[in-house]
Amino acid sequence: MTQSDAAKAWSEAKKNAQSIFAIVEIGLLPEPARLQFVRVDPSRRPLMVQPEFAELRNYGPWLVDVGHMEFEAFLAHEHFTGCTAMASWIRTDCPADKLAAHLSDALLAKNEAGEVLMIRSYAPEVVPMLHARDDLPWHAWLFGPLQEWWVPAEENQWHCLKGLNLEKPARYEPIFLDGKLWTDMEIDPLPYSLTTELEKEAPEVFASTCHGARLKQVKEALDAARNEGLTDAEDVTLFATLRLMNPKFPENWPMWTQAKERTFREKLPLGIVIQQLSD
């Protein structure tokens, strides 16, 4: 779906007096903006309400009523622009308190071993996986109170995931991760952590303002590191960071072949080898 499709759905929701909510992962906001977010509007609802999530609550997902905003203003707002902290937005007839409680329940899942896990069920990389499993009994429960769940994809693109648009959630059905879904959701955390770090510390390395496009750019840099034979997480991260800062790295550094050989032969961290060869 294009941004035009998303804008049209937003306008239709407002015309039909439906609610529009955004899910914002406020830990991805710059610290001053995060603190302001928590303090400014008491109507914003944290989703991590379980006692065991108390320390994560003010860094995790929050539900925000954005129905008073126009779509263009929503995208331009400091909390939502660039698709960084804004995980998705929802079109629904479900009241805010019931929806928040529903999405809070959806943060917990069980696997085949019977373990209870916290999952980022609201995250752009996870929601489509869950939506695709309409063969599992919890699917109708999870997507029941939503008419549409709009998840950012590539730059100016969106996934529109359809729900049942019930006015209140159905009877609770715990999310169960079968073997296939468990495998699908074993997502490499490195691209996400590196993207988040660079968005805060060096956003100039990115070619786009969209979190999805930035994530793709980071994944490509990490793939380039692994294609060079690097396997250690710190080495892979350093190589990817250098490549993001200088897209011609390592081709434009004449010492790269020697650095790589020493890293493998002497089992030294890549950072130490680069520092020694650069002195």
Protein backbone atom coordinates (compact mmCIF):
# COMPACT_ATOMS: atom_id res chain seq x y z
CA MET A 1 0.00 0.00 0.00
CA THR A 2 1.19 3.52 -0.78
CA GLN A 3 1.19 6.53 1.51
CA SER A 4 -1.77 7.79 -0.51
CA ASP A 5 -3.70 4.62 0.40
CA ALA A 6 -2.88 5.13 4.07
CA ALA A 7 -3.98 8.78 3.91
CA LYS A 8 -7.26 7.75 2.28
CA ALA A 9 -7.96 5.18 5.01
CA TRP A 10 -7.16 7.79 7.66
CA SER A 11 -9.63 10.25 6.07
CA GLU A 12 -12.32 7.57 5.86
CA ALA A 13 -11.85 6.73 9.54
CA LYS A 14 -12.28 10.39 10.51
CA LYS A 15 -15.31 10.72 8.24
CA ASN A 16 -16.88 7.65 9.88
CA ALA A 17 -16.08 8.95 13.39
CA GLN A 18 -13.81 6.00 14.06
CA SER A 19 -10.90 6.07 16.45
CA ILE A 20 -7.30 6.24 15.24
CA PHE A 21 -4.50 5.21 17.56
CA ALA A 22 -0.75 5.06 17.10
CA ILE A 23 1.57 2.68 18.91
CA VAL A 24 4.78 4.46 19.86
CA GLU A 25 7.83 2.69 21.27
CA ILE A 26 9.02 5.60 23.34
CA GLY A 27 12.40 4.10 24.18
CA LEU A 28 13.33 4.89 20.57
CA LEU A 29 12.72 8.60 21.10
CA PRO A 30 15.60 10.90 22.03
CA GLU A 31 15.75 11.14 25.83
CA PRO A 32 14.31 14.69 26.15
CA ALA A 33 11.42 13.76 23.86
CA ARG A 34 10.82 10.51 25.78
CA LEU A 35 10.60 12.30 29.11
CA GLN A 36 8.29 14.94 27.64
CA PHE A 37 6.11 12.23 26.10
CA VAL A 38 5.59 10.51 29.45
CA ARG A 39 4.79 13.75 31.31
CA VAL A 40 2.74 15.75 28.85
CA ASP A 41 -0.49 13.85 28.20
CA PRO A 42 -2.02 11.55 30.84
CA SER A 43 -4.47 10.15 28.26
CA ARG A 44 -1.61 8.26 26.60
CA ARG A 45 -1.66 4.67 27.76
CA PRO A 46 1.36 2.41 28.39
CA LEU A 47 0.91 -1.15 27.17
CA MET A 48 3.43 -2.72 29.54
CA VAL A 49 1.11 -2.58 32.53
CA GLN A 50 2.10 -5.97 33.96
CA PRO A 51 4.04 -5.65 37.25
CA GLU A 52 7.00 -7.57 35.82
CA PHE A 53 7.38 -4.88 33.12
CA ALA A 54 7.36 -1.95 35.55
CA GLU A 55 10.97 -0.95 34.84
CA LEU A 56 10.41 -1.15 31.07
CA ARG A 57 7.07 0.67 31.04
CA ASN A 58 8.40 4.14 30.24
CA TYR A 59 10.61 2.76 27.47
CA GLY A 60 8.16 0.39 25.83
CA PRO A 61 5.05 0.74 23.64
CA TRP A 62 2.33 3.28 24.40
CA LEU A 63 -1.09 3.75 22.79
CA VAL A 64 -1.73 7.31 21.63
CA ASP A 65 -5.01 8.77 20.38
CA VAL A 66 -4.15 10.58 17.13
CA GLY A 67 -7.67 10.85 15.73
CA HIS A 68 -7.65 14.65 16.10
CA MET A 69 -4.73 14.94 13.68
CA GLU A 70 -4.64 15.02 9.91
CA PHE A 71 -2.52 12.28 8.34
CA GLU A 72 0.15 14.68 7.07
CA ALA A 73 0.44 16.32 10.49
CA PHE A 74 0.71 12.89 12.10
CA LEU A 75 3.63 11.92 9.87
CA ALA A 76 5.35 15.26 10.48
CA HIS A 77 5.03 15.15 14.28
CA GLU A 78 8.29 14.73 16.20
CA HIS A 79 7.08 11.52 17.83
CA PHE A 80 6.02 9.89 14.57
CA THR A 81 8.16 11.33 11.79
CA GLY A 82 10.62 9.05 10.04
CA CYS A 83 8.86 5.87 11.23
CA THR A 84 11.45 5.54 14.03
CA ALA A 85 9.47 5.33 17.28
CA MET A 86 6.06 5.01 15.61
CA ALA A 87 5.48 1.25 15.31
CA SER A 88 2.06 1.37 13.60
CA TRP A 89 -1.38 2.96 13.63
CA ILE A 90 -4.79 1.38 14.08
CA ARG A 91 -8.25 2.17 12.76
CA THR A 92 -10.96 0.83 15.07
CA ASP A 93 -14.32 1.24 16.77
CA CYS A 94 -12.91 -0.18 20.01
CA PRO A 95 -12.61 2.31 22.93
CA ALA A 96 -9.12 3.32 23.99
CA ASP A 97 -9.15 1.63 27.40
CA LYS A 98 -10.33 -1.71 26.01
CA LEU A 99 -7.88 -1.56 23.11
CA ALA A 100 -4.96 -0.75 25.41
CA ALA A 101 -5.81 -3.68 27.68
CA HIS A 102 -6.15 -5.93 24.63
CA LEU A 103 -2.77 -4.94 23.19
CA SER A 104 -1.21 -5.32 26.62
CA ASP A 105 -2.43 -8.93 26.78
CA ALA A 106 -0.92 -9.47 23.33
CA LEU A 107 2.59 -8.78 24.67
CA LEU A 108 2.63 -12.26 26.21
CA ALA A 109 2.84 -15.55 24.32
CA LYS A 110 3.59 -19.22 24.94
CA ASN A 111 5.88 -21.48 22.95
CA GLU A 112 5.69 -25.24 22.49
CA ALA A 113 7.81 -25.75 25.62
CA GLY A 114 5.12 -24.00 27.67
CA GLU A 115 7.33 -21.00 28.40
CA VAL A 116 5.62 -17.62 28.79
CA LEU A 117 7.46 -15.01 26.75
CA MET A 118 7.24 -11.31 26.13
CA ILE A 119 6.97 -10.57 22.42
CA ARG A 120 6.99 -7.25 20.57
CA SER A 121 3.65 -8.10 18.99
CA TYR A 122 3.19 -4.45 17.93
CA ALA A 123 6.52 -4.17 16.08
CA PRO A 124 6.52 -3.63 12.28
CA GLU A 125 8.59 -6.77 11.70
CA VAL A 126 6.35 -8.94 13.92
CA VAL A 127 2.74 -7.89 13.24
CA PRO A 128 2.70 -9.20 9.63
CA MET A 129 4.01 -12.60 10.83
CA LEU A 130 1.19 -12.83 13.37
CA HIS A 131 -1.43 -11.65 10.87
CA ALA A 132 -0.35 -14.32 8.37
CA ARG A 133 -1.22 -17.12 10.83
CA ASP A 134 -5.00 -17.04 10.49
CA ASP A 135 -4.95 -20.83 10.95
CA LEU A 136 -4.26 -20.44 14.67
CA PRO A 137 -7.11 -19.93 17.18
CA TRP A 138 -5.73 -16.72 18.73
CA HIS A 139 -5.73 -14.90 15.37
CA ALA A 140 -9.39 -13.86 15.55
CA TRP A 141 -8.88 -12.71 19.15
CA LEU A 142 -5.80 -10.61 18.36
CA PHE A 143 -7.16 -8.88 15.26
CA GLY A 144 -10.84 -8.94 16.25
CA PRO A 145 -11.20 -5.37 17.64
CA LEU A 146 -9.31 -3.77 14.74
CA GLN A 147 -10.62 -2.75 11.36
CA GLU A 148 -7.16 -2.04 9.96
CA TRP A 149 -3.66 -2.19 11.40
CA TRP A 150 -1.30 -0.05 9.33
CA VAL A 151 2.37 -1.00 9.62
CA PRO A 152 5.20 0.97 7.97
CA ALA A 153 7.19 -0.91 5.35
CA GLU A 154 9.65 0.58 2.88
CA GLU A 155 9.80 4.35 2.52
CA ASN A 156 6.31 5.75 1.81
CA GLN A 157 4.89 2.20 1.78
CA TRP A 158 2.56 0.52 4.28
CA HIS A 159 1.17 -2.92 5.11
CA CYS A 160 -2.58 -2.81 5.73
CA LEU A 161 -3.61 -5.75 7.90
CA LYS A 162 -7.35 -6.36 8.11
CA GLY A 163 -9.20 -7.23 11.31
CA LEU A 164 -12.82 -7.98 12.26
CA ASN A 165 -13.57 -4.50 13.69
CA LEU A 166 -15.44 -5.76 16.75
CA GLU A 167 -16.44 -3.05 19.20
CA LYS A 168 -14.86 -4.97 22.05
CA PRO A 169 -12.28 -7.77 22.19
CA ALA A 170 -13.50 -11.34 22.22
CA ARG A 171 -12.70 -13.82 24.99
CA TYR A 172 -8.97 -13.87 25.66
CA GLU A 173 -7.07 -16.43 23.61
CA PRO A 174 -3.36 -16.63 24.50
CA ILE A 175 -0.97 -16.26 21.60
CA PHE A 176 0.69 -19.60 20.95
CA LEU A 177 3.90 -19.72 18.94
CA ASP A 178 3.99 -23.03 17.08
CA GLY A 179 7.24 -24.35 15.66
CA LYS A 180 7.00 -22.45 12.38
CA LEU A 181 6.07 -19.14 13.97
CA TRP A 182 8.76 -19.59 16.62
CA THR A 183 11.34 -20.08 13.86
CA ASP A 184 10.01 -17.13 11.87
CA MET A 185 10.20 -14.87 14.91
CA GLU A 186 13.77 -15.78 15.81
CA ILE A 187 14.80 -12.44 14.35
CA ASP A 188 18.43 -11.42 14.31
CA PRO A 189 18.52 -8.62 16.90
CA LEU A 190 21.71 -7.04 15.55
CA PRO A 191 20.15 -5.01 12.69
CA TYR A 192 17.57 -3.54 15.04
CA SER A 193 20.00 -2.64 17.83
CA LEU A 194 22.52 -1.12 15.40
CA THR A 195 19.83 0.85 13.57
CA THR A 196 18.52 2.24 16.85
CA GLU A 197 22.02 3.17 18.04
CA LEU A 198 22.92 4.93 14.78
CA GLU A 199 19.59 6.76 14.66
CA LYS A 200 20.50 8.30 18.00
CA GLU A 201 24.24 8.78 17.55
CA ALA A 202 24.87 9.20 13.81
CA PRO A 203 21.63 9.69 11.84
CA GLU A 204 23.60 11.34 9.03
CA VAL A 205 24.77 7.88 7.82
CA PHE A 206 21.27 7.07 6.59
CA ALA A 207 20.00 7.82 3.11
CA SER A 208 16.36 7.94 4.26
CA THR A 209 14.31 9.20 7.18
CA CYS A 210 12.17 6.04 7.23
CA HIS A 211 13.02 3.47 9.89
CA GLY A 212 12.18 0.60 7.52
CA ALA A 213 14.51 1.89 4.82
CA ARG A 214 17.22 2.56 7.42
CA LEU A 215 16.85 -0.98 8.74
CA LYS A 216 17.31 -2.33 5.22
CA GLN A 217 20.43 -0.20 4.78
CA VAL A 218 21.89 -1.58 8.03
CA LYS A 219 21.04 -5.18 7.07
CA GLU A 220 22.86 -4.73 3.76
CA ALA A 221 25.95 -3.42 5.59
CA LEU A 222 25.84 -6.36 8.03
CA ASP A 223 25.47 -8.78 5.12
CA ALA A 224 28.53 -7.21 3.50
CA ALA A 225 30.48 -7.83 6.72
CA ARG A 226 29.46 -11.48 6.83
CA ASN A 227 30.28 -11.87 3.15
CA GLU A 228 33.83 -10.88 4.09
CA GLY A 229 33.89 -13.87 6.44
CA LEU A 230 33.40 -11.96 9.70
CA THR A 231 31.39 -13.81 12.32
CA ASP A 232 32.07 -12.14 15.68
CA ALA A 233 29.21 -9.76 16.52
CA GLU A 234 31.54 -6.89 17.47
CA ASP A 235 33.57 -7.30 14.28
CA VAL A 236 30.44 -7.47 12.14
CA THR A 237 28.99 -4.39 13.85
CA LEU A 238 32.20 -2.39 13.43
CA PHE A 239 32.55 -3.30 9.75
CA ALA A 240 28.88 -2.42 9.08
CA THR A 241 29.24 0.91 10.90
CA LEU A 242 32.36 1.82 8.92
CA ARG A 243 30.61 0.90 5.68
CA LEU A 244 27.58 2.97 6.57
CA MET A 245 29.82 5.94 7.33
CA ASN A 246 31.78 5.38 4.13
CA PRO A 247 29.94 3.32 1.49
CA LYS A 248 33.25 2.70 -0.35
CA PHE A 249 34.73 0.88 2.67
CA PRO A 250 36.63 -1.44 2.53
CA GLU A 251 37.41 -1.07 -1.18
CA ASN A 252 39.02 2.34 -0.65
CA TRP A 253 41.23 1.21 2.27
CA PRO A 254 44.38 -0.47 0.96
CA MET A 255 45.08 -2.21 4.29
CA TRP A 256 41.80 -4.13 4.35
CA THR A 257 43.14 -7.45 3.04
CA GLN A 258 45.94 -7.37 5.60
CA ALA A 259 43.53 -6.38 8.38
CA LYS A 260 41.17 -9.23 7.56
CA GLU A 261 43.97 -11.78 7.37
CA ARG A 262 45.36 -10.70 10.76
CA THR A 263 41.91 -10.78 12.33
CA PHE A 264 41.42 -14.37 11.23
CA ARG A 265 45.00 -15.61 11.74
CA GLU A 266 45.74 -13.99 15.08
CA LYS A 267 42.14 -14.12 16.34
CA LEU A 268 42.25 -10.44 17.24
CA PRO A 269 39.25 -8.10 17.40
CA LEU A 270 38.86 -6.23 14.12
CA GLY A 271 38.87 -2.89 15.95
CA ILE A 272 42.33 -3.52 17.43
CA VAL A 273 43.76 -4.61 14.06
CA ILE A 274 42.35 -1.53 12.30
CA GLN A 275 43.75 0.73 15.00
CA GLN A 276 47.21 -0.86 14.77
CA LEU A 277 47.32 -0.65 10.97
CA SER A 278 46.09 2.94 11.03
CA ASP A 279 48.73 4.21 13.49
